[in-house]
Amino acid sequence: MSNIIRPTFGQPRRPEPVSDDDRVEVTTQRVYGEAGDHRVCLVRDDDAPGGEVYKVVVGRLAGQEVSTVAILPATAEGEVDAEMVALAILRTLSLIDEDDETPGIA
């Protein structure tokens, strides 16, 4: 999942190679749910370069890796915003999963 909202506003995306050095171990603070073959969670990163942040992450149920889809400040307001983002992503994934299960019309 490389579709992360970035403030680049139409600029071409730079390739970002993923190396083992870029991976970090995170502890899930909250699991919002599962839809299809994905899980949506909230993690808190106390070691982020800009200070403590909440990250909404999405990963496959079968795997151990997640992708960050939103980064918010680790404040009460940031936690509320993270919850709204996570629930919207979860609902979107469930709609996609429902579309995949709907049989076509003959």
Protein backbone atom coordinates (compact mmCIF):
# COMPACT_ATOMS: atom_id res chain seq x y z
CA MET A 1 0.00 0.00 0.00
CA SER A 2 1.83 3.00 -1.23
CA ASN A 3 -1.14 5.35 -1.57
CA ILE A 4 -0.36 7.71 1.26
CA ILE A 5 -1.80 11.20 1.20
CA ARG A 6 1.12 13.58 0.92
CA PRO A 7 1.15 17.38 0.65
CA THR A 8 2.88 17.38 -2.77
CA PHE A 9 -0.12 18.75 -4.70
CA GLY A 10 0.47 17.33 -8.16
CA GLN A 11 4.22 16.95 -8.05
CA PRO A 12 5.53 13.61 -9.31
CA ARG A 13 6.08 11.05 -6.62
CA ARG A 14 9.66 10.18 -5.74
CA PRO A 15 10.49 6.50 -5.61
CA GLU A 16 11.09 5.45 -2.04
CA PRO A 17 12.99 2.18 -1.81
CA VAL A 18 12.13 0.19 1.28
CA SER A 19 15.10 -1.31 3.02
CA ASP A 20 15.32 -3.23 6.25
CA ASP A 21 16.75 -0.07 7.84
CA ASP A 22 13.47 1.78 7.12
CA ARG A 23 11.38 -0.77 8.97
CA VAL A 24 10.58 -0.32 12.63
CA GLU A 25 8.71 -2.43 15.12
CA VAL A 26 5.51 -0.87 16.41
CA THR A 27 3.06 -1.76 19.13
CA THR A 28 -0.60 -1.51 18.24
CA GLN A 29 -2.50 0.81 20.54
CA ARG A 30 -5.95 0.10 19.09
CA VAL A 31 -7.37 -2.24 16.45
CA TYR A 32 -10.33 -0.66 14.66
CA GLY A 33 -11.30 -3.77 12.77
CA GLU A 34 -10.83 -5.98 9.76
CA ALA A 35 -12.33 -5.82 6.30
CA GLY A 36 -11.52 -8.14 3.45
CA ASP A 37 -7.97 -9.27 4.06
CA HIS A 38 -6.83 -6.06 5.80
CA ARG A 39 -6.68 -4.78 9.37
CA VAL A 40 -6.82 -1.09 10.38
CA CYS A 41 -4.95 -0.08 13.55
CA LEU A 42 -3.68 2.89 15.52
CA VAL A 43 -0.09 3.06 16.73
CA ARG A 44 1.70 5.75 18.69
CA ASP A 45 5.21 6.73 17.62
CA ASP A 46 7.02 8.52 20.42
CA ASP A 47 10.28 8.65 18.43
CA ALA A 48 9.02 10.48 15.33
CA PRO A 49 11.31 13.26 14.10
CA GLY A 50 8.66 15.94 14.70
CA GLY A 51 7.64 14.65 18.11
CA GLU A 52 5.06 12.18 19.35
CA VAL A 53 2.44 11.22 16.74
CA TYR A 54 -0.42 8.83 16.16
CA LYS A 55 -0.28 6.75 12.99
CA VAL A 56 -3.23 5.06 11.36
CA VAL A 57 -1.83 1.96 9.70
CA VAL A 58 -3.25 -0.70 7.40
CA GLY A 59 -1.84 -4.16 6.85
CA ARG A 60 -2.79 -7.53 5.48
CA LEU A 61 -4.16 -10.05 7.95
CA ALA A 62 -1.70 -12.67 6.75
CA GLY A 63 1.37 -10.44 7.05
CA GLN A 64 3.35 -8.62 9.67
CA GLU A 65 3.97 -5.40 7.73
CA VAL A 66 1.76 -2.32 7.77
CA SER A 67 1.62 0.91 5.79
CA THR A 68 1.04 4.27 7.40
CA VAL A 69 -1.94 6.01 5.84
CA ALA A 70 -2.26 9.00 8.20
CA ILE A 71 -0.02 10.76 10.71
CA LEU A 72 -1.56 12.99 13.36
CA PRO A 73 -0.21 14.77 16.46
CA ALA A 74 -0.37 12.78 19.69
CA THR A 75 -2.95 15.07 21.26
CA ALA A 76 -6.56 14.51 22.26
CA GLU A 77 -7.65 16.22 19.03
CA GLY A 78 -5.20 14.13 17.02
CA GLU A 79 -6.60 10.95 18.52
CA VAL A 80 -10.16 11.97 17.57
CA ASP A 81 -9.00 12.75 14.02
CA ALA A 82 -7.13 9.42 13.85
CA GLU A 83 -10.30 7.60 14.88
CA MET A 84 -12.31 9.32 12.12
CA VAL A 85 -9.64 8.50 9.53
CA ALA A 86 -9.38 4.87 10.67
CA LEU A 87 -13.14 4.32 10.63
CA ALA A 88 -13.42 5.89 7.17
CA ILE A 89 -10.68 3.61 5.85
CA LEU A 90 -12.29 0.58 7.47
CA ARG A 91 -15.66 1.43 5.91
CA THR A 92 -14.04 1.95 2.51
CA LEU A 93 -12.31 -1.43 2.72
CA SER A 94 -15.59 -3.10 3.69
CA LEU A 95 -17.37 -1.50 0.71
CA ILE A 96 -14.64 -2.73 -1.62
CA ASP A 97 -14.93 -6.19 -0.10
CA GLU A 98 -18.73 -6.15 -0.59
CA ASP A 99 -18.30 -5.16 -4.25
CA ASP A 100 -15.94 -8.09 -4.78
CA GLU A 101 -18.50 -10.52 -3.35
CA THR A 102 -21.51 -9.23 -5.30
CA PRO A 103 -22.26 -11.55 -8.22
CA GLY A 104 -22.57 -9.97 -11.64
CA ILE A 105 -25.91 -9.66 -13.42
CA ALA A 106 -26.34 -12.18 -16.23
